[in-house]
Structure formats: structure tokens, C-alpha cells
Protein backbone atom coordinates (compact mmCIF):
# COMPACT_ATOMS: atom_id res chain seq x y z
CA MET A 1 71.58 64.38 132.55
CA LYS A 2 69.87 62.90 129.48
CA VAL A 3 68.69 65.08 126.61
CA LEU A 4 66.21 63.37 124.26
CA ARG A 5 64.38 64.60 121.17
CA ARG A 6 60.62 64.07 120.95
CA ARG A 7 59.46 65.49 117.59
CA ASP A 8 59.48 69.28 118.04
CA LYS A 9 60.23 69.07 121.76
CA VAL A 10 63.25 68.14 123.86
CA THR A 11 63.01 66.18 127.10
CA VAL A 12 65.68 66.73 129.73
CA LEU A 13 65.86 64.02 132.42
CA ALA A 14 67.73 64.52 135.67
CA ALA A 15 70.44 61.97 136.49
CA HIS A 16 69.05 61.62 140.01
CA PRO A 17 65.79 62.74 141.66
CA SER A 18 67.76 65.12 143.90
CA GLU A 19 68.99 66.94 140.78
CA THR A 20 65.49 67.61 139.42
CA VAL A 21 64.86 70.86 141.29
CA ARG A 22 68.31 72.27 140.51
CA LEU A 23 67.86 71.37 136.84
CA GLY A 24 64.50 73.15 136.77
CA VAL A 25 66.01 76.29 138.28
CA SER A 26 68.78 76.32 135.64
CA LEU A 27 66.34 75.77 132.77
CA ARG A 28 63.93 78.45 133.93
CA ALA A 29 66.74 80.93 134.46
CA ALA A 30 67.87 80.42 130.86
CA LEU A 31 64.53 79.93 129.09
CA GLY A 32 61.85 81.43 131.31
CA ASP A 33 58.94 79.75 133.06
CA ILE A 34 56.72 79.55 129.98
CA ALA A 35 59.16 77.45 127.97
CA VAL A 36 59.74 74.85 130.69
CA ILE A 37 57.15 72.11 131.41
CA ALA A 38 57.76 69.82 134.36
CA VAL A 39 57.33 66.06 133.85
CA LYS A 40 58.24 63.08 135.98
CA GLY A 41 61.99 63.10 136.52
CA GLY A 42 62.68 66.11 134.28
CA TYR A 43 61.38 68.81 131.98
CA ILE A 44 60.19 69.41 128.41
CA VAL A 45 61.47 72.45 126.47
CA PRO A 46 61.03 73.64 122.84
CA LEU A 47 63.37 72.26 120.19
CA GLU A 48 64.41 75.84 119.40
CA ALA A 49 66.01 76.00 122.85
CA VAL A 50 68.77 73.52 121.91
CA ALA A 51 71.40 76.29 121.76
CA SER A 52 70.60 77.43 125.28
CA LEU A 53 70.48 73.83 126.48
CA ALA A 54 73.90 73.14 125.02
CA ARG A 55 75.33 75.97 127.08
CA ILE A 56 73.73 74.67 130.27
CA LEU A 57 74.41 70.96 129.59
CA PRO A 58 77.51 70.64 127.36
CA PRO A 59 77.34 67.46 125.20
CA GLU A 60 80.78 66.40 126.35
CA ASP A 61 79.56 66.19 129.97
CA HIS A 62 76.02 64.92 129.48
CA GLU A 63 74.18 62.24 127.51
CA TRP A 64 72.62 63.70 124.38
CA ASP A 65 70.36 62.00 121.85
CA GLU A 66 72.38 61.27 118.66
CA GLU A 67 69.65 62.89 116.60
CA LEU A 68 70.26 66.17 118.42
CA LYS A 69 74.04 66.30 118.02
CA PRO A 70 74.06 67.83 114.51
CA VAL A 71 71.65 70.51 115.72
CA VAL A 72 73.82 71.12 118.78
CA THR A 73 76.95 71.40 116.67
CA GLN A 74 75.34 73.92 114.33
CA THR A 75 73.85 76.02 117.11
CA LEU A 76 77.08 76.01 119.09
CA ASP A 77 79.01 77.03 115.98
CA ILE A 78 76.61 79.94 115.45
CA ALA A 79 76.84 80.92 119.11
CA SER A 80 80.63 80.70 118.95
CA ALA A 81 80.68 82.88 115.82
CA GLN A 82 78.46 85.43 117.55
CA LEU A 83 80.77 85.44 120.58
CA SER A 84 83.78 85.89 118.31
CA ALA A 85 82.06 88.73 116.46
CA ARG A 86 81.18 90.44 119.74
CA SER A 87 84.81 90.24 120.75
CA GLU A 88 85.95 91.69 117.42
CA VAL A 89 83.40 94.49 117.66
CA ALA A 90 84.57 95.36 121.18
CA GLU A 91 88.17 95.47 119.95
CA ALA A 92 87.23 97.65 116.97
CA LEU A 93 85.40 100.08 119.25
CA GLU A 94 88.51 100.35 121.42
CA SER A 95 90.63 101.48 118.45
CA PRO A 96 88.25 102.43 115.61
CA TYR A 97 90.78 104.41 113.58
CA VAL A 98 93.17 101.46 113.67
CA ALA A 99 90.35 99.16 112.50
CA LEU A 100 89.72 101.52 109.56
CA LYS A 101 93.33 102.22 108.66
CA ASP A 102 92.75 100.85 105.15
CA TYR A 103 89.73 103.09 104.48
CA GLN A 104 90.47 106.33 102.64
CA GLU A 105 87.16 108.05 103.51
CA THR A 106 87.54 108.04 107.29
CA TRP A 107 88.28 111.76 107.33
CA ARG A 108 84.73 112.41 106.10
CA LEU A 109 83.17 110.72 109.13
CA ASP A 110 82.48 112.07 112.60
CA PRO A 111 84.22 110.15 115.44
CA HIS A 112 81.01 108.32 116.43
CA GLN A 113 80.47 107.34 112.79
CA VAL A 114 84.02 106.00 112.62
CA GLU A 115 83.21 103.81 115.62
CA ALA A 116 80.04 102.51 113.99
CA VAL A 117 81.73 101.69 110.67
CA ALA A 118 84.62 100.00 112.50
CA ALA A 119 82.11 97.79 114.35
CA MET A 120 80.04 97.04 111.24
CA THR A 121 83.04 95.86 109.20
CA VAL A 122 84.81 93.41 111.50
CA PRO A 123 85.59 90.16 109.64
CA SER A 124 83.41 87.60 111.43
CA LEU A 125 80.27 89.72 111.80
CA ARG A 126 77.05 88.38 110.25
CA GLY A 127 75.00 91.42 111.13
CA MET A 128 74.21 94.00 113.78
CA ALA A 129 71.77 96.71 114.78
CA LEU A 130 72.63 100.38 114.63
CA PHE A 131 70.10 101.87 117.02
CA ASP A 132 71.63 105.33 117.37
CA GLU A 133 69.16 108.07 118.20
CA GLN A 134 67.48 109.91 115.35
CA GLY A 135 69.52 112.57 113.62
CA VAL A 136 73.11 111.44 114.24
CA GLY A 137 73.92 110.15 110.74
CA LYS A 138 73.17 106.41 110.49
CA THR A 139 72.69 106.52 106.70
CA ILE A 140 76.30 107.55 106.12
CA CYS A 141 77.47 104.77 108.46
CA GLY A 142 75.62 102.18 106.39
CA LEU A 143 77.02 103.47 103.09
CA ALA A 144 80.56 103.73 104.43
CA ALA A 145 80.36 100.17 105.78
CA PHE A 146 79.26 98.89 102.36
CA ASP A 147 81.99 100.89 100.62
CA LEU A 148 84.71 99.42 102.84
CA LEU A 149 83.37 95.85 102.77
CA ARG A 150 83.17 96.04 98.99
CA GLN A 151 86.77 97.26 98.81
CA ARG A 152 87.82 94.37 101.04
CA GLY A 153 85.99 91.92 98.76
CA LEU A 154 83.60 90.77 101.48
CA VAL A 155 80.40 91.92 99.74
CA SER A 156 79.59 92.84 96.15
CA ASN A 157 76.13 94.44 96.20
CA LEU A 158 73.95 96.48 98.53
CA LEU A 159 70.20 96.09 99.03
CA VAL A 160 68.54 98.89 100.99
CA VAL A 161 64.98 98.35 102.20
CA ALA A 162 63.31 101.47 103.57
CA PRO A 163 60.04 103.44 103.62
CA LYS A 164 59.56 105.04 100.23
CA SER A 165 59.70 108.51 101.82
CA VAL A 166 63.27 107.80 102.97
CA LEU A 167 64.65 106.42 99.70
CA PRO A 168 65.36 109.87 98.18
CA VAL A 169 67.62 110.57 101.15
CA TRP A 170 69.54 107.37 100.46
CA LYS A 171 69.86 108.24 96.78
CA GLN A 172 71.13 111.72 97.63
CA GLU A 173 73.63 110.42 100.18
CA ILE A 174 74.90 107.82 97.70
CA ALA A 175 75.57 110.66 95.26
CA ASN A 176 77.20 112.84 97.93
CA PHE A 177 79.25 110.23 99.78
CA LEU A 178 79.95 107.47 97.28
CA LYS A 179 80.13 109.85 94.31
CA ASP A 180 80.01 107.94 91.02
CA ARG A 181 81.76 104.80 92.23
CA TYR A 182 78.56 102.71 92.31
CA SER A 183 75.44 102.54 90.19
CA ALA A 184 72.08 102.68 91.97
CA ARG A 185 68.41 102.22 91.14
CA THR A 186 65.24 102.91 93.13
CA VAL A 187 62.11 100.74 93.03
CA VAL A 188 59.22 102.10 95.11
CA GLY A 189 55.53 101.91 95.83
CA ARG A 190 52.62 99.52 95.59
CA GLN A 191 52.41 100.17 91.87
CA ALA A 192 56.04 99.25 91.21
CA ARG A 193 56.37 96.47 88.67
CA PRO A 194 58.32 93.51 90.07
CA LEU A 195 60.25 93.28 86.79
CA ASP A 196 61.68 96.75 87.49
CA LEU A 197 64.01 94.93 89.89
CA LEU A 198 65.70 93.24 86.96
CA GLN A 199 66.25 96.22 84.68
CA GLY A 200 70.02 96.24 84.29
CA GLU A 201 72.92 95.47 86.59
CA VAL A 202 73.37 97.86 89.51
CA ASP A 203 75.61 97.90 92.57
CA VAL A 204 72.99 99.37 94.92
CA LEU A 205 69.29 98.56 94.84
CA LEU A 206 67.00 100.87 96.84
CA VAL A 207 63.62 99.23 97.44
CA SER A 208 60.57 100.36 99.40
CA TYR A 209 58.84 97.98 101.80
CA GLU A 210 55.84 97.77 99.47
CA ALA A 211 58.04 96.91 96.49
CA VAL A 212 59.88 94.23 98.49
CA THR A 213 56.59 92.56 99.31
CA ARG A 214 55.40 92.69 95.69
CA GLY A 215 58.72 91.65 94.18
CA LEU A 216 59.88 89.11 96.76
CA VAL A 217 60.05 86.12 94.41
CA ILE A 218 62.02 88.03 91.78
CA LEU A 219 64.37 89.46 94.40
CA GLN A 220 65.02 86.00 95.83
CA GLY A 221 65.71 84.69 92.34
CA LEU A 222 68.00 87.61 91.59
CA MET A 223 70.01 87.08 94.75
CA SER A 224 70.20 83.28 94.50
CA THR A 225 71.11 82.85 90.84
CA LYS A 226 73.75 85.55 90.54
CA LYS A 227 77.22 85.05 91.99
CA ARG A 228 76.92 88.00 94.31
CA GLU A 229 77.52 88.61 97.98
CA TYR A 230 74.72 90.88 99.16
CA MET A 231 74.73 93.23 102.10
CA LEU A 232 71.28 94.11 103.43
CA LEU A 233 70.45 97.43 105.10
CA VAL A 234 66.97 97.71 106.64
CA ASP A 235 66.23 101.35 107.45
CA GLU A 236 63.57 102.50 109.93
CA SER A 237 63.52 98.88 110.99
CA TYR A 238 60.64 99.35 113.43
CA TYR A 239 58.58 98.82 110.26
CA VAL A 240 59.43 95.11 110.63
CA LYS A 241 58.94 94.83 114.38
CA ASN A 242 55.87 92.62 113.91
CA PRO A 243 57.17 89.21 112.74
CA VAL A 244 53.83 88.12 111.23
CA ALA A 245 53.36 91.23 109.09
CA GLN A 246 53.75 90.63 105.36
CA ARG A 247 56.62 93.06 104.93
CA SER A 248 58.42 91.61 107.96
CA ARG A 249 58.22 88.09 106.54
CA ALA A 250 59.42 89.33 103.14
CA VAL A 251 62.47 91.06 104.62
CA ALA A 252 63.25 87.99 106.76
CA LYS A 253 63.23 85.81 103.64
CA LEU A 254 65.57 88.18 101.84
CA ARG A 255 67.92 88.12 104.79
CA GLN A 256 68.56 84.41 104.13
CA TRP A 257 70.27 85.34 100.85
CA CYS A 258 72.45 88.09 102.32
CA LYS A 259 75.92 87.58 103.67
CA ARG A 260 75.55 90.46 106.10
CA ALA A 261 72.54 92.36 107.41
CA TYR A 262 72.17 95.58 109.35
CA VAL A 263 69.06 97.16 110.81
CA LEU A 264 69.00 100.91 111.35
CA CYS A 265 66.51 102.62 113.62
CA GLY A 266 66.47 105.57 116.00
CA ALA A 267 63.35 104.44 117.88
CA PRO A 268 63.55 100.62 117.83
CA ALA A 269 61.18 99.95 120.74
CA PRO A 270 58.39 102.51 120.26
CA ASN A 271 55.59 100.54 121.93
CA SER A 272 57.11 97.62 123.84
CA PRO A 273 60.54 96.13 124.65
CA THR A 274 59.59 93.14 122.48
CA ASP A 275 59.56 95.42 119.42
CA VAL A 276 63.32 94.93 119.06
CA ILE A 277 63.18 91.13 118.84
CA HIS A 278 62.38 90.68 115.15
CA GLN A 279 64.67 93.57 114.21
CA ILE A 280 67.57 91.82 115.95
CA ASP A 281 66.47 88.50 114.40
CA ILE A 282 66.89 89.97 110.93
CA ALA A 283 70.31 91.37 111.80
CA ASP A 284 71.80 88.21 113.31
CA ALA A 285 69.56 85.57 111.67
CA GLY A 286 67.89 84.65 114.97
CA THR A 287 71.06 84.05 116.99
CA THR A 288 70.20 86.27 119.97
CA PHE A 289 66.56 85.43 120.55
CA GLY A 290 66.39 81.93 119.06
CA GLY A 291 65.01 79.51 121.65
CA LEU A 292 64.10 82.23 124.14
CA SER A 293 60.58 82.27 125.49
CA ILE A 294 59.24 85.80 125.93
CA PRO A 295 56.71 86.25 128.77
CA ALA A 296 53.38 87.86 127.97
CA ASP A 297 53.73 90.28 130.86
CA GLU A 298 55.49 93.40 129.57
CA ASP A 299 57.66 93.97 132.64
CA SER A 300 58.84 90.35 132.65
CA ALA A 301 59.40 90.48 128.89
CA ALA A 302 61.52 93.61 129.33
CA VAL A 303 63.81 91.74 131.73
CA VAL A 304 64.29 88.86 129.26
CA VAL A 305 64.89 91.19 126.31
CA GLU A 306 67.31 93.38 128.21
CA LYS A 307 69.27 90.34 129.37
CA ALA A 308 69.47 88.90 125.83
CA LEU A 309 70.61 92.24 124.43
CA GLY A 310 73.37 92.41 127.00
CA ASN A 311 74.48 88.78 126.73
CA SER A 312 74.34 88.08 123.01
CA ALA A 313 73.11 90.83 120.68
CA ILE A 314 75.51 93.00 118.71
CA TYR A 315 74.23 96.54 118.52
CA LEU A 316 75.16 100.16 119.06
CA ARG A 317 72.85 102.63 120.76
CA ARG A 318 74.21 106.17 121.18
CA LEU A 319 72.18 109.23 122.10
CA LYS A 320 72.64 112.66 120.58
CA GLU A 321 73.83 114.08 123.87
CA GLU A 322 76.65 111.51 123.82
CA VAL A 323 77.87 111.86 120.23
CA LEU A 324 76.75 115.39 119.29
CA PRO A 325 77.37 117.34 122.50
CA GLU A 326 77.55 120.58 120.51
CA LEU A 327 73.95 120.17 119.33
CA PRO A 328 71.77 122.94 120.85
CA ALA A 329 69.34 121.98 123.61
CA LYS A 330 65.85 120.61 122.98
CA SER A 331 62.85 121.71 125.06
CA ILE A 332 59.27 120.46 125.08
CA ARG A 333 56.51 122.87 126.08
CA LYS A 334 53.20 121.29 127.03
CA THR A 335 50.71 124.04 126.28
CA PHE A 336 47.27 123.49 127.76
CA VAL A 337 44.27 125.00 126.00
CA GLU A 338 40.64 125.24 127.11
CA LEU A 339 38.08 123.90 124.67
CA GLN A 340 35.69 126.40 123.16
CA PRO A 341 32.14 126.30 124.63
CA VAL A 342 30.45 124.30 121.86
CA GLN A 343 33.60 122.21 121.37
CA ASP A 344 33.61 121.41 125.09
CA SER A 345 29.94 120.42 124.98
CA LEU A 346 30.51 118.08 122.04
CA TYR A 347 33.47 116.51 123.82
CA ARG A 348 31.65 116.01 127.13
CA ASP A 349 28.62 114.46 125.41
CA ALA A 350 30.79 112.07 123.36
CA MET A 351 32.84 111.12 126.42
CA ALA A 352 29.79 110.54 128.62
CA ASN A 353 28.08 108.38 126.01
CA LEU A 354 31.23 106.32 125.49
CA ILE A 355 31.67 105.72 129.22
CA ILE A 356 28.01 104.68 129.59
CA ASP A 357 28.24 102.27 126.65
CA VAL A 358 31.46 100.68 127.92
CA ARG A 359 30.00 100.20 131.40
CA GLN A 360 26.88 98.55 130.02
CA VAL A 361 28.68 95.72 128.18
CA ASP A 362 30.59 92.70 129.44
CA ASP A 363 34.22 91.84 128.69
CA THR A 364 33.33 89.46 125.86
CA TYR A 365 31.27 92.06 124.02
CA PHE A 366 33.94 94.71 124.62
CA ARG A 367 36.69 92.55 123.14
CA LYS A 368 34.55 91.63 120.14
CA HIS A 369 33.77 95.30 119.39
CA LEU A 370 37.07 96.80 120.51
CA GLY A 371 37.65 98.43 117.13
CA GLU A 372 34.40 100.37 117.43
CA PHE A 373 35.21 101.58 120.93
CA MET A 374 38.71 102.62 119.87
CA ALA A 375 37.25 104.56 116.93
CA ARG A 376 35.03 106.47 119.33
CA LYS A 377 38.00 107.24 121.55
CA TRP A 378 39.87 108.46 118.47
CA ALA A 379 36.86 110.70 117.72
CA LEU A 380 37.37 112.34 121.12
CA LEU A 381 40.88 113.31 120.06
CA GLN A 382 39.53 114.66 116.78
CA ILE A 383 37.05 116.84 118.67
CA CYS A 384 39.99 118.17 120.71
CA SER A 385 41.70 119.05 117.44
CA ASN A 386 38.78 120.41 115.40
CA PRO A 387 35.20 119.15 115.77
CA ALA A 388 34.35 120.31 112.25
CA GLY A 389 36.13 117.22 110.94
CA ILE A 390 33.26 115.05 112.21
CA HIS A 391 30.57 117.68 112.94
CA PRO A 392 30.12 119.66 109.69
CA VAL A 393 27.79 122.22 111.35
CA TYR A 394 30.40 123.20 113.92
CA SER A 395 31.14 126.90 113.38
CA GLU A 396 33.38 128.03 116.26
CA ILE A 397 37.08 128.58 115.79
CA ALA A 398 38.56 125.52 117.52
CA ALA A 399 40.65 126.21 120.62
CA LYS A 400 43.86 124.87 119.14
CA LEU A 401 43.56 127.11 116.09
CA LEU A 402 43.38 130.12 118.41
CA ALA A 403 46.49 128.87 120.22
CA LEU A 404 48.23 128.31 116.89
CA ASP A 405 47.38 131.86 115.83
CA GLN A 406 49.36 133.23 118.76
CA ILE A 407 52.34 130.94 118.23
CA VAL A 408 52.52 131.58 114.47
CA LYS A 409 52.20 135.33 115.02
CA ASN A 410 55.06 135.28 117.52
CA ILE A 411 57.40 132.97 115.62
CA VAL A 412 56.73 133.91 112.00
CA GLU A 413 55.42 137.49 112.04
CA GLU A 414 57.29 139.02 114.95
CA ARG A 415 60.53 137.00 114.92
CA GLY A 416 60.75 136.20 111.21
CA LEU A 417 61.43 132.48 111.78
CA LYS A 418 60.11 129.33 110.12
CA ILE A 419 57.95 126.81 111.95
CA ILE A 420 56.68 123.21 111.65
CA ILE A 421 53.05 122.34 112.44
CA TRP A 422 52.22 118.65 112.96
CA SER A 423 48.70 117.24 112.99
CA PHE A 424 47.23 113.75 112.62
CA PHE A 425 43.85 114.64 111.19
CA ARG A 426 43.39 115.39 107.49
CA TYR A 427 40.63 117.94 108.08
CA SER A 428 42.79 119.77 110.62
CA LEU A 429 45.77 119.70 108.26
CA GLN A 430 43.75 121.25 105.45
CA THR A 431 42.28 123.87 107.78
CA ILE A 432 45.75 124.83 108.99
CA VAL A 433 47.04 125.10 105.42
CA ASN A 434 44.10 127.32 104.44
CA ARG A 435 44.38 129.48 107.55
CA TYR A 436 48.08 130.29 107.12
CA THR A 437 48.44 130.38 103.34
CA ARG A 438 49.52 134.02 103.50
CA TYR A 439 52.71 133.02 105.31
CA GLY A 440 53.76 130.57 102.59
CA VAL A 441 52.95 126.93 103.35
CA VAL A 442 54.13 123.53 102.13
CA ARG A 443 52.44 120.30 103.16
CA ILE A 444 53.28 116.60 103.37
CA ASP A 445 50.72 114.04 104.50
CA GLY A 446 49.22 110.82 103.17
CA SER A 447 47.71 112.64 100.21
CA VAL A 448 51.18 113.53 98.88
CA ASP A 449 52.19 110.24 97.29
CA SER A 450 54.84 111.43 94.85
CA ILE A 451 58.45 111.30 96.02
CA GLN A 452 59.18 114.27 93.75
CA GLU A 453 56.41 116.35 95.38
CA ARG A 454 57.70 115.49 98.85
CA ASP A 455 61.25 116.39 97.91
CA LEU A 456 60.14 119.68 96.39
CA ALA A 457 58.18 120.59 99.54
CA VAL A 458 61.20 119.95 101.76
CA ARG A 459 63.58 121.86 99.46
CA ARG A 460 61.24 124.85 99.27
CA PHE A 461 60.89 124.95 103.04
CA ARG A 462 64.65 124.81 103.47
CA SER A 463 65.67 127.41 100.91
CA ASP A 464 62.71 129.52 99.79
CA PRO A 465 62.39 132.63 102.01
CA SER A 466 58.72 132.99 101.03
CA ILE A 467 57.87 129.58 102.58
CA ASN A 468 57.63 129.92 106.36
CA ILE A 469 55.42 127.04 107.49
CA PHE A 470 55.76 123.28 106.97
CA VAL A 471 52.53 121.40 107.72
CA GLY A 472 52.81 117.64 108.08
CA ASN A 473 51.37 114.41 109.38
CA PRO A 474 54.10 112.66 111.44
CA ALA A 475 53.03 109.27 110.06
CA SER A 476 53.87 110.46 106.54
CA ALA A 477 56.52 113.15 107.05
CA GLY A 478 58.10 112.12 110.34
CA VAL A 479 60.98 110.12 108.82
CA GLY A 480 63.66 110.63 106.23
CA ILE A 481 63.62 114.42 106.00
CA THR A 482 65.64 117.18 107.61
CA LEU A 483 63.79 120.35 108.58
CA THR A 484 66.54 122.22 110.43
CA ALA A 485 65.58 125.42 108.61
CA ALA A 486 63.19 125.71 111.57
CA SER A 487 63.95 125.46 115.25
CA HIS A 488 60.31 125.58 116.41
CA ALA A 489 57.57 122.98 115.96
CA VAL A 490 54.00 122.64 117.16
CA PHE A 491 52.12 119.39 117.71
CA GLU A 492 48.51 120.44 117.08
CA SER A 493 47.47 116.81 117.59
CA PHE A 494 49.22 113.46 117.94
CA SER A 495 48.57 109.74 117.62
CA ASN A 496 49.08 106.97 120.16
CA GLN A 497 52.18 105.75 118.31
CA PRO A 498 55.40 106.85 120.07
CA ALA A 499 57.45 106.25 116.91
CA HIS A 500 55.47 108.96 115.10
CA TYR A 501 56.07 111.45 117.90
CA LEU A 502 59.75 110.60 118.45
CA GLN A 503 60.62 110.66 114.76
CA SER A 504 58.83 113.94 114.08
CA VAL A 505 60.36 115.73 117.08
CA ASP A 506 63.79 114.98 115.67
CA ARG A 507 63.15 116.42 112.21
CA ILE A 508 64.44 119.72 113.65
CA HIS A 509 66.71 118.41 116.42
CA ARG A 510 69.49 116.77 114.44
CA ARG A 511 72.84 117.33 112.79
CA GLY A 512 72.99 120.74 111.19
CA GLN A 513 70.73 122.51 113.71
CA GLN A 514 72.35 125.75 114.89
CA ASN A 515 69.70 127.00 117.33
CA PRO A 516 68.00 125.75 120.49
CA VAL A 517 64.94 123.72 119.56
CA THR A 518 61.46 124.17 121.01
CA SER A 519 58.49 121.88 120.40
CA PHE A 520 55.06 123.04 121.60
CA VAL A 521 52.58 120.25 122.36
CA LEU A 522 49.01 121.58 122.40
CA ILE A 523 46.93 119.58 124.88
CA SER A 524 43.24 120.16 125.51
CA GLN A 525 42.87 120.63 129.24
CA SER A 526 40.94 118.04 131.29
CA THR A 527 40.58 115.67 128.33
CA VAL A 528 41.87 112.27 127.33
CA GLU A 529 44.71 114.03 125.49
CA GLU A 530 46.52 114.61 128.79
CA ARG A 531 46.69 110.88 129.51
CA GLU A 532 47.50 109.96 125.90
CA PHE A 533 50.54 112.22 125.83
CA ASP A 534 51.74 110.91 129.20
CA LYS A 535 51.54 107.37 127.76
CA LEU A 536 53.74 108.42 124.83
CA ILE A 537 56.40 109.73 127.20
CA GLN A 538 56.25 106.59 129.37
CA LYS A 539 56.70 104.36 126.31
CA GLU A 540 59.65 106.48 125.20
CA ARG A 541 61.34 105.99 128.57
CA ARG A 542 60.74 102.22 128.51
CA GLY A 543 62.24 102.08 125.03
CA HIS A 544 65.42 103.72 126.29
CA LYS A 545 65.61 101.64 129.46
CA ILE A 546 66.09 98.24 127.78
CA PHE A 547 69.32 99.58 126.26
CA GLY A 548 70.51 100.92 129.59
CA LYS A 549 70.03 104.49 128.41
CA GLN A 550 68.31 107.29 130.26
CA PRO A 551 68.53 110.41 128.11
CA ARG A 552 68.64 113.83 129.64
CA GLU A 553 65.04 114.96 130.05
CA PRO A 554 64.07 117.90 127.82
CA ILE A 555 63.40 121.10 129.71
CA THR A 556 59.68 121.62 130.19
CA ARG A 557 57.86 124.69 131.43
CA GLU A 558 56.10 122.84 134.25
CA GLY A 559 59.34 121.13 135.27
CA PHE A 560 61.13 124.48 135.37
CA LEU A 561 58.39 125.98 137.54
CA LYS A 562 58.47 122.97 139.86
CA ASP A 563 62.18 123.49 140.39
CA LEU A 564 61.51 127.11 141.33
CA THR A 565 58.48 126.63 143.57
CA GLY A 566 58.75 123.05 144.81
CA ASP A 567 55.07 122.48 143.94
């Protein structure tokens, strides 16, 4: 075979016409149909596929263009290093306590955390993904890995990039776990001054995604001019799943200056299997997915991603049922409610008008005005929650508020327990707060911008006996906080983003929970909400499947009845 470079493409020519078909089969198996273009006597593939080509057509056995040999050498070296690191990780996981025999803090870690730290600290590793399910203690794993690598002289500084709502948790865990051994500073928010990044020498820099974007140039200068070996931790890494997003590009640029990088996320594929690609790229600097062509079809893409994860990526994905078997059970109760008469009329009118308008336009018009149609669909969900948010003259008590009254009465009044209420609509959130003020309410949503206010709300809910209800928007309060003071939650409404749902469910089902957990999902009967929630569950299952994981299904009321009746 001949392998020739043509600008940003590579042409592979078969040695004999009879070999052409077999060559095409090999190339498509490795790269996918999209990346392979047939030409006379051979095929054209992207230049980025050189690493994969080198595995299929080793330079020692085939004729390679001299211009490609340096690229081949580099890519093979990287692939070899990745293979070596995978081997070291596998060995560390076999005997994690042996791998950490020089670490004095092992006794403070749970067995599954010992395994993670052992894997994260093997000598040849460039980076990995810790995709353990929410609530099993990934933050401590990241800090322990830094602590050990620093003691071994392999890194000198830690850069943590995370949503600003999560940074207080990191700061608290640094104080609890690392004590006073390392200095730390937090830089957060859109209003953060880039020069804040330079105020004094610190061992650990905690930076929000917004601050990374604003201070990228200064951060790059800081990391390139100082004689430091940085370790990068990217928390809630689904925030960088979109490679073209500004924050994703900023984090990818920072990764170039870091000796090691780790991405941490409990729900890494919330919408599509391809969500994990850029997260893994940041961890291993593009080693796993470099040169791979990802099909547009989601099912085909899932096959490619799953294969790459199994063949090359270095990651851990453990579910709570595997590593925290003592954790009490979690159940999901879909609770169907009938819309109030006026509420139902408003919904039916809005739905009928939307259907008519969609049917009257062609595909081109629909695509051009998709945002408007989606906004009208979102309005249907808001009517299901509380029509007063968009219809000021609406005067009924919305159906979900009546359902909430019964749940709150049972949980708070009669049983004396605390409860979480989640909603995605600001009007509904405020109405809920006003309606249940007498029980003692704290609230976190997009209007609560101060980290101090958020922290105070969480602390009051945990420890103040007069505060019985936590009201939150999962997009704002679904990550970085522990709400195990409650074992019951209600989803008054929900978005179409699985990450929001998955993260918020696990605010109460995590380490430290002593009681069985129940989450009520209020669904307006015979509305679009039924299908929207089913889509969330389907996406959750697809996200687990690419890692070869099928978690135990939560007990549901309808599932329990089906087991009893067979219906």
C-alpha cells in the first residue's frame, strides 16, 4: 500500500486492484463511512486519521510519504503512551491499596475512592475521565489525586474549573480534606476581574467557567511563564460538551498548558452519546477521538463512541448501587394531575393553534422559525405548571398547586419531614414560595446570584428546624449542593434537559442519606408533559448504555402495579 499526503488529506492507494475492496473495508471499519472517499485505485481520508491509518498500515510494512513519517511517529508515540497508561490503570485497579502505599491519607477514602485515586495517579497517565454517578464523592478523589501527585513531585499546582455554584463545595472540601497544607483562591462570575487571577501565589486556583472565559489570556500567560506543572480538574464537565462553545474552547486551550487533566461528571452524556467526545478530548488531549469520524445518525454515532471508549479512552464509570450498596433505595413516583377547567381550556386552545400553524407551513419555513415554535411548545409546559405566568387574568388555583398542597401537608405537617420542590418557571417558583412561607422556605434559582446567599440557603435548610421547604430551579440549584436533610422531593415542572433532571434528583440521593428517597414527578394528564418526561428517561438510559451500564430501575408506582396485575 502507498500512503501519500495531499494538503489536509491523505490518499491511500492499494498495491493491486484486487486489494482495493479489502482496503476499503478496513478503512471504513476503523474510520467510518463518512471519513472514507473512494477514488480510482484507493481512498482519501482526513489527515487527522493518520494515527488510525498507522495502526492499519504500519510504516514498516507499507510505503509511506516521507512528509507523513514525523506525524506518524508522533501519533504512534501518543497512542503507545495511551496504551501504556491504560495498562498501568488496569494494574492499579487490581491492587489499589498497593498503588497508594506511599499515601498517608488513604484511610480517609472509601474503597471506591481509593480505586479512583490509584487510577488517576499512575505515572504515565496524561489524563482521564471520572464519570462516577452523582453523589459518590468525586471531589475528594480529585483533591486526593492532586495531593499525592504533588507529594510525588509530578505536579505543583491545581486549577479547578467548575460552575460558580459548585466552587464553594470545592473550597470547603479543600479545607476539610487538605487542611492547611495548600493555599487556595476563588475567582468567579462574569464580573470577575481577570487580574484577580494574578493576586498572589496560590497552590490551588478555583475558577468559574465565566471567569475562565474572561481571563483566558492571563491564565495562559500565568501557566506558561511560571515554572509550574499544572493539574487541571474540570468539574461538571458536561458544561464543555459542545466543542464550539466559548467556554469549551477556553478550557481546551488551558488544557494545552497542563501536565495532567481530569474531567469529572456524573451525567456525561445527558442528551446524546456524542456529548462525551469533547470531555474525553480535554482529558486525553484528543487521543481517543482524534481522527475518528462521527456519523450524524445518533444510533450509528453511539456505536462509534462506545467502541472508542472501550478501545482507547481511560475513564471510570461506577454507579451508586455498585459503590454505595448501603445507600437507601430511590423511587420515582409519576403523579398524574388533571388540569383545572380554565387551565385545560387554555392548554387545548394553545395546543390546537400550534398544531394548525405547524401544519400550514413547509419545512423551510418551520426550520427558519424553529425558535418561535419551540417557545410556543415551552408555553404549553408553562400552562401545565401555572397559566398565570403568561395569562395574568388567570384566577384558578393551578392543578399542580393543589397536588402540592396534599404532598406538603402529608410530608411536612403530618410527618414532620423536610421536602424539596423543583420548578423551572420563575413565576411558579415565586408562587410556591409565597404559598408555603408559613412552613419556612429557602429558595435558590437564577435570581440568587451570590455564592454567600446560596450557601446560607443550603445551610439553613440542613440545620435550621424552622426551615422545612427548599424551593429550587434545577438549572441553578441542581449541582454542587447536598440536600440530604430531606428524603422527599417534588418536580412541579421540568425542562427538556436530562442533565438538569438527573443532577437534581441526586441532591437527596447521595452519600450521607439515611432514609429511602422518594421523588414525585407531577405530570399533567393527557398533555405534552407525558411525552417530554418519557424523553428524559430515554435519554438517561442511552447515556448509561454507551458505558455498558444499565442501572437498576427506580421503583415506580405504575411499575409496581404492573407487576401485581400484569396490565
